[in-house]
Amino acid sequence: MIKIKTPEEIARMRVAGQMVAKVRDAVAGKIAPGVTTKELDDYARDLIREMGGIGTFYGYHGYPAHLCISINEEVVHGIPGKRIIQDGDIVSVDQGVTYDGFVARYDYVDTLYAGVGKAAKDGKELASMFSEYDMQSRFPELAGTPGFTESFVHNGSLLALWSDWTGAESARSALETAIEEKGAKAAVAELTAARAKGSDKYYFLEVEFNQLGYRYLGEEKYEEAIAVFAMNVDMYPESWNVYDSLGEAYMKSGQHDLAVLNYEKSLELNPENENGKRMLDEIHTALAKK
């Protein structure tokens, strides 16, 4: 379906397009041997803000920059960083600028950047950011608007900023890679040891491990799913949801006794867990028929 733009929308699109052209030309003038791609991105960020816009790319699915900068053999979507431009390099720059509703969006970026930075410096837990900067309550004027229709976009921005401020990587991503390389048992043991030592290399989130476990469960990789969910239980023993997830993995793998134990623990922590009640009824019914 093609949405017909109003004259006002077309006017705003024209302004945004003019901003893109100005930033493109200005950044092109800064490309030189010895300059890092991060320096170009910072320059573009400041220029966009001076003109009253925001970088459309920044925060999209967690993207951490305002430009895409690809060099030589890189095709598209290169992330600006420490790479130094060399004499003879072919440098490709891609960008977008949002102008419609720029005040609210500018405030959003400013609030997140400053707030997450302060939280990281104060030693706050990453998990607290999701409640403190809840989209619906903290930014109601943006919730549901283009670019904010899905919660993972906003959450991705929080995670990208947390990584920028702390230098920490996602433990879920590290675990996923390690499982592919070493197997579930060794990967879990390695990550658990890193957490026990208080390593600041990774940030740990219950919800991310849960998502990974369900990915394996959907692929019928029961050993991997159980290993991830069991690790989540060890890390977050006060969460009813981790027991519910582990119970489901045991149930689908045919280990009904262990499934029952975990569903019962989930209900002990959260008596209102309707899924746990339903699953226990299904298991008991199935066992009674045997």
C-alpha atoms as a PDB file:
ATOM      1  CA  MET A   1       0.000   0.000   0.000  1.00  0.00           C
ATOM      2  CA  ILE A   2       1.281   3.464  -0.929  1.00  0.00           C
ATOM      3  CA  LYS A   3       0.576   6.233   1.570  1.00  0.00           C
ATOM      4  CA  ILE A   4      -0.036   9.588  -0.104  1.00  0.00           C
ATOM      5  CA  LYS A   5       1.947  12.288   1.676  1.00  0.00           C
ATOM      6  CA  THR A   6       0.359  15.587   2.674  1.00  0.00           C
ATOM      7  CA  PRO A   7       1.964  18.880   1.561  1.00  0.00           C
ATOM      8  CA  GLU A   8       3.167  19.398   5.150  1.00  0.00           C
ATOM      9  CA  GLU A   9       4.792  15.954   5.234  1.00  0.00           C
ATOM     10  CA  ILE A  10       6.462  16.588   1.886  1.00  0.00           C
ATOM     11  CA  ALA A  11       7.795  19.896   3.189  1.00  0.00           C
ATOM     12  CA  ARG A  12       9.333  18.170   6.228  1.00  0.00           C
ATOM     13  CA  MET A  13      10.797  15.461   3.997  1.00  0.00           C
ATOM     14  CA  ARG A  14      12.364  18.173   1.845  1.00  0.00           C
ATOM     15  CA  VAL A  15      13.996  19.764   4.896  1.00  0.00           C
ATOM     16  CA  ALA A  16      15.330  16.383   6.055  1.00  0.00           C
ATOM     17  CA  GLY A  17      16.686  15.715   2.569  1.00  0.00           C
ATOM     18  CA  GLN A  18      18.467  19.063   2.555  1.00  0.00           C
ATOM     19  CA  MET A  19      20.013  18.205   5.923  1.00  0.00           C
ATOM     20  CA  VAL A  20      21.251  14.893   4.539  1.00  0.00           C
ATOM     21  CA  ALA A  21      22.854  16.666   1.582  1.00  0.00           C
ATOM     22  CA  LYS A  22      24.594  19.217   3.819  1.00  0.00           C
ATOM     23  CA  VAL A  23      25.921  16.546   6.192  1.00  0.00           C
ATOM     24  CA  ARG A  24      27.059  14.375   3.285  1.00  0.00           C
ATOM     25  CA  ASP A  25      29.026  17.213   1.705  1.00  0.00           C
ATOM     26  CA  ALA A  26      30.489  18.320   5.039  1.00  0.00           C
ATOM     27  CA  VAL A  27      31.596  14.805   5.986  1.00  0.00           C
ATOM     28  CA  ALA A  28      33.104  14.289   2.530  1.00  0.00           C
ATOM     29  CA  GLY A  29      35.271  17.329   3.166  1.00  0.00           C
ATOM     30  CA  LYS A  30      36.581  15.787   6.394  1.00  0.00           C
ATOM     31  CA  ILE A  31      37.623  12.441   4.880  1.00  0.00           C
ATOM     32  CA  ALA A  32      41.410  12.304   4.814  1.00  0.00           C
ATOM     33  CA  PRO A  33      44.278   9.941   5.678  1.00  0.00           C
ATOM     34  CA  GLY A  34      44.764   9.694   9.442  1.00  0.00           C
ATOM     35  CA  VAL A  35      41.126  10.409  10.346  1.00  0.00           C
ATOM     36  CA  THR A  36      39.194   7.660  12.137  1.00  0.00           C
ATOM     37  CA  THR A  37      35.696   6.682  11.094  1.00  0.00           C
ATOM     38  CA  LYS A  38      34.540   7.470  14.661  1.00  0.00           C
ATOM     39  CA  GLU A  39      35.761  11.053  14.252  1.00  0.00           C
ATOM     40  CA  LEU A  40      33.660  11.372  11.103  1.00  0.00           C
ATOM     41  CA  ASP A  41      30.626  10.000  12.904  1.00  0.00           C
ATOM     42  CA  ASP A  42      31.055  12.401  15.844  1.00  0.00           C
ATOM     43  CA  TYR A  43      31.351  15.296  13.402  1.00  0.00           C
ATOM     44  CA  ALA A  44      28.164  14.239  11.606  1.00  0.00           C
ATOM     45  CA  ARG A  45      26.317  13.836  14.922  1.00  0.00           C
ATOM     46  CA  ASP A  46      27.164  17.374  16.025  1.00  0.00           C
ATOM     47  CA  LEU A  47      26.258  18.838  12.645  1.00  0.00           C
ATOM     48  CA  ILE A  48      22.885  17.080  12.543  1.00  0.00           C
ATOM     49  CA  ARG A  49      22.034  18.352  16.023  1.00  0.00           C
ATOM     50  CA  GLU A  50      23.061  21.907  15.125  1.00  0.00           C
ATOM     51  CA  MET A  51      20.556  21.811  12.254  1.00  0.00           C
ATOM     52  CA  GLY A  52      17.743  20.600  14.523  1.00  0.00           C
ATOM     53  CA  GLY A  53      17.551  16.996  13.376  1.00  0.00           C
ATOM     54  CA  ILE A  54      18.576  13.605  14.723  1.00  0.00           C
ATOM     55  CA  GLY A  55      20.487  10.808  13.063  1.00  0.00           C
ATOM     56  CA  THR A  56      17.911   8.292  11.852  1.00  0.00           C
ATOM     57  CA  PHE A  57      20.349   5.388  12.045  1.00  0.00           C
ATOM     58  CA  TYR A  58      21.307   5.921  15.687  1.00  0.00           C
ATOM     59  CA  GLY A  59      19.552   3.395  17.938  1.00  0.00           C
ATOM     60  CA  TYR A  60      17.823   1.579  15.069  1.00  0.00           C
ATOM     61  CA  HIS A  61      17.821  -2.093  16.206  1.00  0.00           C
ATOM     62  CA  GLY A  62      20.575  -1.027  18.584  1.00  0.00           C
ATOM     63  CA  TYR A  63      22.797   0.549  15.890  1.00  0.00           C
ATOM     64  CA  PRO A  64      25.429   2.579  17.798  1.00  0.00           C
ATOM     65  CA  ALA A  65      26.307   5.297  15.259  1.00  0.00           C
ATOM     66  CA  HIS A  66      24.869   8.095  13.095  1.00  0.00           C
ATOM     67  CA  LEU A  67      26.600   7.056   9.876  1.00  0.00           C
ATOM     68  CA  CYS A  68      27.409   3.838   8.073  1.00  0.00           C
ATOM     69  CA  ILE A  69      31.013   4.049   6.839  1.00  0.00           C
ATOM     70  CA  SER A  70      32.328   1.276   4.624  1.00  0.00           C
ATOM     71  CA  ILE A  71      35.920   1.153   3.408  1.00  0.00           C
ATOM     72  CA  ASN A  72      37.286  -0.600   0.332  1.00  0.00           C
ATOM     73  CA  GLU A  73      35.960  -4.187   0.199  1.00  0.00           C
ATOM     74  CA  GLU A  74      33.247  -3.547   2.799  1.00  0.00           C
ATOM     75  CA  VAL A  75      29.904  -3.508   1.044  1.00  0.00           C
ATOM     76  CA  VAL A  76      27.474  -1.613   3.295  1.00  0.00           C
ATOM     77  CA  HIS A  77      26.611  -0.819   6.922  1.00  0.00           C
ATOM     78  CA  GLY A  78      30.152  -0.476   8.245  1.00  0.00           C
ATOM     79  CA  ILE A  79      30.060   0.717  11.867  1.00  0.00           C
ATOM     80  CA  PRO A  80      32.284   3.735  12.629  1.00  0.00           C
ATOM     81  CA  GLY A  81      35.036   3.022  15.105  1.00  0.00           C
ATOM     82  CA  LYS A  82      38.803   3.172  15.579  1.00  0.00           C
ATOM     83  CA  ARG A  83      39.690   2.320  11.975  1.00  0.00           C
ATOM     84  CA  ILE A  84      42.050   4.923  10.526  1.00  0.00           C
ATOM     85  CA  ILE A  85      41.530   5.989   6.916  1.00  0.00           C
ATOM     86  CA  GLN A  86      44.587   5.340   4.769  1.00  0.00           C
ATOM     87  CA  ASP A  87      45.749   7.122   1.640  1.00  0.00           C
ATOM     88  CA  GLY A  88      44.044   5.526  -1.362  1.00  0.00           C
ATOM     89  CA  ASP A  89      41.098   4.079   0.609  1.00  0.00           C
ATOM     90  CA  ILE A  90      37.672   4.084  -1.013  1.00  0.00           C
ATOM     91  CA  VAL A  91      35.291   5.448   1.621  1.00  0.00           C
ATOM     92  CA  SER A  92      31.526   5.051   1.330  1.00  0.00           C
ATOM     93  CA  VAL A  93      29.239   7.034   3.660  1.00  0.00           C
ATOM     94  CA  ASP A  94      25.546   6.367   4.230  1.00  0.00           C
ATOM     95  CA  GLN A  95      23.246   8.371   6.511  1.00  0.00           C
ATOM     96  CA  GLY A  96      19.707   9.465   7.280  1.00  0.00           C
ATOM     97  CA  VAL A  97      18.217  12.411   9.154  1.00  0.00           C
ATOM     98  CA  THR A  98      14.880  12.590  10.963  1.00  0.00           C
ATOM     99  CA  TYR A  99      13.295  16.035  11.153  1.00  0.00           C
ATOM    100  CA  ASP A 100       9.598  15.423  11.847  1.00  0.00           C
ATOM    101  CA  GLY A 101       9.065  15.597  15.603  1.00  0.00           C
ATOM    102  CA  PHE A 102      12.741  16.384  16.109  1.00  0.00           C
ATOM    103  CA  VAL A 103      12.350  18.047  19.505  1.00  0.00           C
ATOM    104  CA  ALA A 104      10.936  14.955  21.226  1.00  0.00           C
ATOM    105  CA  ARG A 105      13.420  12.686  19.471  1.00  0.00           C
ATOM    106  CA  TYR A 106      16.354  14.928  20.308  1.00  0.00           C
ATOM    107  CA  ASP A 107      15.282  14.960  23.956  1.00  0.00           C
ATOM    108  CA  TYR A 108      14.915  11.172  23.832  1.00  0.00           C
ATOM    109  CA  VAL A 109      18.480  10.662  22.617  1.00  0.00           C
ATOM    110  CA  ASP A 110      19.857  13.252  25.033  1.00  0.00           C
ATOM    111  CA  THR A 111      17.976  11.779  27.994  1.00  0.00           C
ATOM    112  CA  LEU A 112      19.061   8.219  27.248  1.00  0.00           C
ATOM    113  CA  TYR A 113      22.677   9.131  26.583  1.00  0.00           C
ATOM    114  CA  ALA A 114      23.058  11.151  29.775  1.00  0.00           C
ATOM    115  CA  GLY A 115      20.938   8.836  31.929  1.00  0.00           C
ATOM    116  CA  VAL A 116      22.592   5.596  30.902  1.00  0.00           C
ATOM    117  CA  GLY A 117      26.018   7.177  31.226  1.00  0.00           C
ATOM    118  CA  LYS A 118      25.309   8.355  34.769  1.00  0.00           C
ATOM    119  CA  ALA A 119      23.837   4.975  35.725  1.00  0.00           C
ATOM    120  CA  ALA A 120      26.934   3.181  34.435  1.00  0.00           C
ATOM    121  CA  LYS A 121      29.254   5.508  36.343  1.00  0.00           C
ATOM    122  CA  ASP A 122      27.169   5.139  39.529  1.00  0.00           C
ATOM    123  CA  GLY A 123      27.409   1.346  39.347  1.00  0.00           C
ATOM    124  CA  LYS A 124      23.717   0.725  38.737  1.00  0.00           C
ATOM    125  CA  GLU A 125      22.492  -2.562  37.300  1.00  0.00           C
ATOM    126  CA  LEU A 126      21.694  -2.653  33.592  1.00  0.00           C
ATOM    127  CA  ALA A 127      18.336  -4.331  34.280  1.00  0.00           C
ATOM    128  CA  SER A 128      17.166  -1.237  36.165  1.00  0.00           C
ATOM    129  CA  MET A 129      17.433   0.830  32.985  1.00  0.00           C
ATOM    130  CA  PHE A 130      14.472  -0.930  31.384  1.00  0.00           C
ATOM    131  CA  SER A 131      12.090   0.143  34.138  1.00  0.00           C
ATOM    132  CA  GLU A 132      13.633   3.574  34.671  1.00  0.00           C
ATOM    133  CA  TYR A 133      13.439   4.368  30.942  1.00  0.00           C
ATOM    134  CA  ASP A 134      10.254   2.515  30.091  1.00  0.00           C
ATOM    135  CA  MET A 135       9.043   3.773  26.713  1.00  0.00           C
ATOM    136  CA  GLN A 136       5.367   4.134  27.591  1.00  0.00           C
ATOM    137  CA  SER A 137       5.835   5.998  30.865  1.00  0.00           C
ATOM    138  CA  ARG A 138       9.030   7.961  30.160  1.00  0.00           C
ATOM    139  CA  PHE A 139       8.508   8.855  26.473  1.00  0.00           C
ATOM    140  CA  PRO A 140       4.748   8.600  25.853  1.00  0.00           C
ATOM    141  CA  GLU A 141       4.852  11.154  23.015  1.00  0.00           C
ATOM    142  CA  LEU A 142       7.163   8.853  21.021  1.00  0.00           C
ATOM    143  CA  ALA A 143       5.739   5.437  21.940  1.00  0.00           C
ATOM    144  CA  GLY A 144       4.195   3.850  18.860  1.00  0.00           C
ATOM    145  CA  THR A 145       5.529   6.458  16.424  1.00  0.00           C
ATOM    146  CA  PRO A 146       7.713   5.447  13.422  1.00  0.00           C
ATOM    147  CA  GLY A 147      10.932   3.972  14.740  1.00  0.00           C
ATOM    148  CA  PHE A 148       9.386   3.148  18.110  1.00  0.00           C
ATOM    149  CA  THR A 149       6.615   0.730  17.158  1.00  0.00           C
ATOM    150  CA  GLU A 150       8.510  -2.274  18.552  1.00  0.00           C
ATOM    151  CA  SER A 151       9.967  -2.449  22.063  1.00  0.00           C
ATOM    152  CA  PHE A 152      13.156  -4.145  20.868  1.00  0.00           C
ATOM    153  CA  VAL A 153      14.169  -0.940  19.045  1.00  0.00           C
ATOM    154  CA  HIS A 154      14.133   1.107  22.271  1.00  0.00           C
ATOM    155  CA  ASN A 155      15.695  -1.731  24.276  1.00  0.00           C
ATOM    156  CA  GLY A 156      18.369  -2.081  21.625  1.00  0.00           C
ATOM    157  CA  SER A 157      19.219   1.601  22.071  1.00  0.00           C
ATOM    158  CA  LEU A 158      19.604   1.103  25.822  1.00  0.00           C
ATOM    159  CA  LEU A 159      21.887  -1.880  25.301  1.00  0.00           C
ATOM    160  CA  ALA A 160      23.991  -0.089  22.686  1.00  0.00           C
ATOM    161  CA  LEU A 161      24.465   2.904  24.982  1.00  0.00           C
ATOM    162  CA  TRP A 162      25.312   0.664  27.936  1.00  0.00           C
ATOM    163  CA  SER A 163      27.983  -1.048  25.850  1.00  0.00           C
ATOM    164  CA  ASP A 164      29.329   2.341  24.735  1.00  0.00           C
ATOM    165  CA  TRP A 165      29.614   3.632  28.299  1.00  0.00           C
ATOM    166  CA  THR A 166      30.890   0.451  29.978  1.00  0.00           C
ATOM    167  CA  GLY A 167      32.676  -1.389  27.165  1.00  0.00           C
ATOM    168  CA  ALA A 168      30.796  -4.535  28.210  1.00  0.00           C
ATOM    169  CA  GLU A 169      29.596  -7.037  25.618  1.00  0.00           C
ATOM    170  CA  SER A 170      26.431  -9.111  25.667  1.00  0.00           C
ATOM    171  CA  ALA A 171      26.982 -12.330  27.635  1.00  0.00           C
ATOM    172  CA  ARG A 172      24.187 -13.929  25.627  1.00  0.00           C
ATOM    173  CA  SER A 173      26.077 -13.300  22.356  1.00  0.00           C
ATOM    174  CA  ALA A 174      29.291 -14.641  23.864  1.00  0.00           C
ATOM    175  CA  LEU A 175      27.486 -17.736  25.126  1.00  0.00           C
ATOM    176  CA  GLU A 176      25.865 -18.379  21.768  1.00  0.00           C
ATOM    177  CA  THR A 177      29.229 -18.218  20.004  1.00  0.00           C
ATOM    178  CA  ALA A 178      30.892 -20.427  22.612  1.00  0.00           C
ATOM    179  CA  ILE A 179      28.146 -23.068  22.366  1.00  0.00           C
ATOM    180  CA  GLU A 180      28.702 -23.313  18.630  1.00  0.00           C
ATOM    181  CA  GLU A 181      32.459 -23.663  19.138  1.00  0.00           C
ATOM    182  CA  LYS A 182      32.754 -25.740  22.346  1.00  0.00           C
ATOM    183  CA  GLY A 183      29.372 -27.265  23.082  1.00  0.00           C
ATOM    184  CA  ALA A 184      26.781 -26.250  25.666  1.00  0.00           C
ATOM    185  CA  LYS A 185      28.404 -27.724  28.794  1.00  0.00           C
ATOM    186  CA  ALA A 186      31.819 -26.132  28.270  1.00  0.00           C
ATOM    187  CA  ALA A 187      30.355 -22.814  27.144  1.00  0.00           C
ATOM    188  CA  VAL A 188      28.089 -22.492  30.178  1.00  0.00           C
ATOM    189  CA  ALA A 189      30.906 -23.421  32.543  1.00  0.00           C
ATOM    190  CA  GLU A 190      33.184 -20.807  31.018  1.00  0.00           C
ATOM    191  CA  LEU A 191      30.633 -18.005  31.188  1.00  0.00           C
ATOM    192  CA  THR A 192      29.535 -18.933  34.712  1.00  0.00           C
ATOM    193  CA  ALA A 193      33.155 -18.788  35.857  1.00  0.00           C
ATOM    194  CA  ALA A 194      33.623 -15.357  34.274  1.00  0.00           C
ATOM    195  CA  ARG A 195      30.565 -14.054  36.102  1.00  0.00           C
ATOM    196  CA  ALA A 196      31.706 -15.557  39.419  1.00  0.00           C
ATOM    197  CA  LYS A 197      35.025 -13.740  39.094  1.00  0.00           C
ATOM    198  CA  GLY A 198      33.169 -10.440  38.669  1.00  0.00           C
ATOM    199  CA  SER A 199      34.376  -9.934  35.110  1.00  0.00           C
ATOM    200  CA  ASP A 200      33.256  -6.644  33.592  1.00  0.00           C
ATOM    201  CA  LYS A 201      33.777  -7.933  30.059  1.00  0.00           C
ATOM    202  CA  TYR A 202      30.098  -8.867  29.721  1.00  0.00           C
ATOM    203  CA  TYR A 203      26.710  -7.633  30.798  1.00  0.00           C
ATOM    204  CA  PHE A 204      24.256 -10.303  31.923  1.00  0.00           C
ATOM    205  CA  LEU A 205      20.495 -10.159  31.341  1.00  0.00           C
ATOM    206  CA  GLU A 206      18.028 -12.843  32.315  1.00  0.00           C
ATOM    207  CA  VAL A 207      15.734 -12.001  29.414  1.00  0.00           C
ATOM    208  CA  GLU A 208      18.506 -12.361  26.819  1.00  0.00           C
ATOM    209  CA  PHE A 209      19.451 -15.822  28.077  1.00  0.00           C
ATOM    210  CA  ASN A 210      15.778 -16.772  28.052  1.00  0.00           C
ATOM    211  CA  GLN A 211      15.484 -15.676  24.434  1.00  0.00           C
ATOM    212  CA  LEU A 212      18.515 -17.761  23.508  1.00  0.00           C
ATOM    213  CA  GLY A 213      17.121 -20.801  25.320  1.00  0.00           C
ATOM    214  CA  TYR A 214      13.845 -20.524  23.437  1.00  0.00           C
ATOM    215  CA  ARG A 215      15.702 -20.207  20.160  1.00  0.00           C
ATOM    216  CA  TYR A 216      17.351 -23.548  20.825  1.00  0.00           C
ATOM    217  CA  LEU A 217      14.051 -24.988  22.013  1.00  0.00           C
ATOM    218  CA  GLY A 218      12.389 -23.928  18.768  1.00  0.00           C
ATOM    219  CA  GLU A 219      15.152 -25.705  16.850  1.00  0.00           C
ATOM    220  CA  GLU A 220      14.612 -28.819  19.008  1.00  0.00           C
ATOM    221  CA  LYS A 221      18.146 -28.542  20.365  1.00  0.00           C
ATOM    222  CA  TYR A 222      17.073 -29.708  23.799  1.00  0.00           C
ATOM    223  CA  GLU A 223      20.533 -30.170  25.281  1.00  0.00           C
ATOM    224  CA  GLU A 224      21.482 -26.581  24.474  1.00  0.00           C
ATOM    225  CA  ALA A 225      18.128 -25.192  25.603  1.00  0.00           C
ATOM    226  CA  ILE A 226      18.266 -27.019  28.940  1.00  0.00           C
ATOM    227  CA  ALA A 227      21.860 -25.915  29.536  1.00  0.00           C
ATOM    228  CA  VAL A 228      20.975 -22.238  28.936  1.00  0.00           C
ATOM    229  CA  PHE A 229      17.775 -22.338  31.017  1.00  0.00           C
ATOM    230  CA  ALA A 230      19.530 -24.203  33.858  1.00  0.00           C
ATOM    231  CA  MET A 231      22.269 -21.572  33.861  1.00  0.00           C
ATOM    232  CA  ASN A 232      19.582 -18.885  34.067  1.00  0.00           C
ATOM    233  CA  VAL A 233      18.110 -20.660  37.105  1.00  0.00           C
ATOM    234  CA  ASP A 234      21.517 -20.655  38.791  1.00  0.00           C
ATOM    235  CA  MET A 235      22.029 -16.963  38.042  1.00  0.00           C
ATOM    236  CA  TYR A 236      18.502 -15.756  38.864  1.00  0.00           C
ATOM    237  CA  PRO A 237      17.100 -18.197  41.459  1.00  0.00           C
ATOM    238  CA  GLU A 238      14.476 -15.693  42.692  1.00  0.00           C
ATOM    239  CA  SER A 239      12.827 -15.399  39.273  1.00  0.00           C
ATOM    240  CA  TRP A 240       9.764 -17.595  38.767  1.00  0.00           C
ATOM    241  CA  ASN A 241      10.077 -17.277  34.987  1.00  0.00           C
ATOM    242  CA  VAL A 242      13.431 -19.072  34.733  1.00  0.00           C
ATOM    243  CA  TYR A 243      11.927 -22.187  36.368  1.00  0.00           C
ATOM    244  CA  ASP A 244       8.912 -21.998  34.065  1.00  0.00           C
ATOM    245  CA  SER A 245      11.191 -21.925  31.007  1.00  0.00           C
ATOM    246  CA  LEU A 246      13.365 -24.784  32.262  1.00  0.00           C
ATOM    247  CA  GLY A 247      10.227 -26.775  33.015  1.00  0.00           C
ATOM    248  CA  GLU A 248       9.076 -26.333  29.421  1.00  0.00           C
ATOM    249  CA  ALA A 249      12.431 -27.515  28.064  1.00  0.00           C
ATOM    250  CA  TYR A 250      12.330 -30.631  30.257  1.00  0.00           C
ATOM    251  CA  MET A 251       8.734 -31.307  29.246  1.00  0.00           C
ATOM    252  CA  LYS A 252       9.467 -31.066  25.526  1.00  0.00           C
ATOM    253  CA  SER A 253      12.497 -33.311  25.910  1.00  0.00           C
ATOM    254  CA  GLY A 254      10.365 -35.954  27.638  1.00  0.00           C
ATOM    255  CA  GLN A 255      11.820 -35.503  31.137  1.00  0.00           C
ATOM    256  CA  HIS A 256       8.484 -35.100  32.902  1.00  0.00           C
ATOM    257  CA  ASP A 257       9.680 -35.539  36.500  1.00  0.00           C
ATOM    258  CA  LEU A 258      12.140 -32.657  36.140  1.00  0.00           C
ATOM    259  CA  ALA A 259       9.521 -30.600  34.339  1.00  0.00           C
ATOM    260  CA  VAL A 260       7.130 -31.028  37.268  1.00  0.00           C
ATOM    261  CA  LEU A 261       9.777 -29.988  39.789  1.00  0.00           C
ATOM    262  CA  ASN A 262      10.534 -26.778  37.921  1.00  0.00           C
ATOM    263  CA  TYR A 263       6.923 -25.851  37.253  1.00  0.00           C
ATOM    264  CA  GLU A 264       6.163 -26.381  40.939  1.00  0.00           C
ATOM    265  CA  LYS A 265       9.066 -24.134  41.912  1.00  0.00           C
ATOM    266  CA  SER A 266       7.816 -21.517  39.472  1.00  0.00           C
ATOM    267  CA  LEU A 267       4.372 -21.610  41.091  1.00  0.00           C
ATOM    268  CA  GLU A 268       5.908 -21.429  44.558  1.00  0.00           C
ATOM    269  CA  LEU A 269       7.522 -18.131  43.566  1.00  0.00           C
ATOM    270  CA  ASN A 270       4.510 -16.920  41.589  1.00  0.00           C
ATOM    271  CA  PRO A 271       1.200 -18.593  42.459  1.00  0.00           C
ATOM    272  CA  GLU A 272      -0.469 -16.578  39.667  1.00  0.00           C
ATOM    273  CA  ASN A 273       1.579 -18.256  36.946  1.00  0.00           C
ATOM    274  CA  GLU A 274      -1.261 -19.607  34.784  1.00  0.00           C
ATOM    275  CA  ASN A 275       1.099 -21.211  32.288  1.00  0.00           C
ATOM    276  CA  GLY A 276       2.712 -23.266  35.051  1.00  0.00           C
ATOM    277  CA  LYS A 277      -0.682 -24.451  36.284  1.00  0.00           C
ATOM    278  CA  ARG A 278      -1.760 -25.433  32.788  1.00  0.00           C
ATOM    279  CA  MET A 279       1.474 -27.284  32.031  1.00  0.00           C
ATOM    280  CA  LEU A 280       1.310 -29.248  35.286  1.00  0.00           C
ATOM    281  CA  ASP A 281      -2.274 -30.295  34.487  1.00  0.00           C
ATOM    282  CA  GLU A 282      -1.197 -31.431  31.013  1.00  0.00           C
ATOM    283  CA  ILE A 283       1.735 -33.439  32.386  1.00  0.00           C
ATOM    284  CA  HIS A 284      -0.357 -35.125  35.107  1.00  0.00           C
ATOM    285  CA  THR A 285      -3.101 -35.932  32.575  1.00  0.00           C
ATOM    286  CA  ALA A 286      -0.602 -37.423  30.144  1.00  0.00           C
ATOM    287  CA  LEU A 287       1.076 -39.505  32.853  1.00  0.00           C
ATOM    288  CA  ALA A 288      -2.280 -40.773  34.132  1.00  0.00           C
ATOM    289  CA  LYS A 289      -3.112 -42.192  30.705  1.00  0.00           C
ATOM    290  CA  LYS A 290       0.027 -44.323  30.623  1.00  0.00           C
END
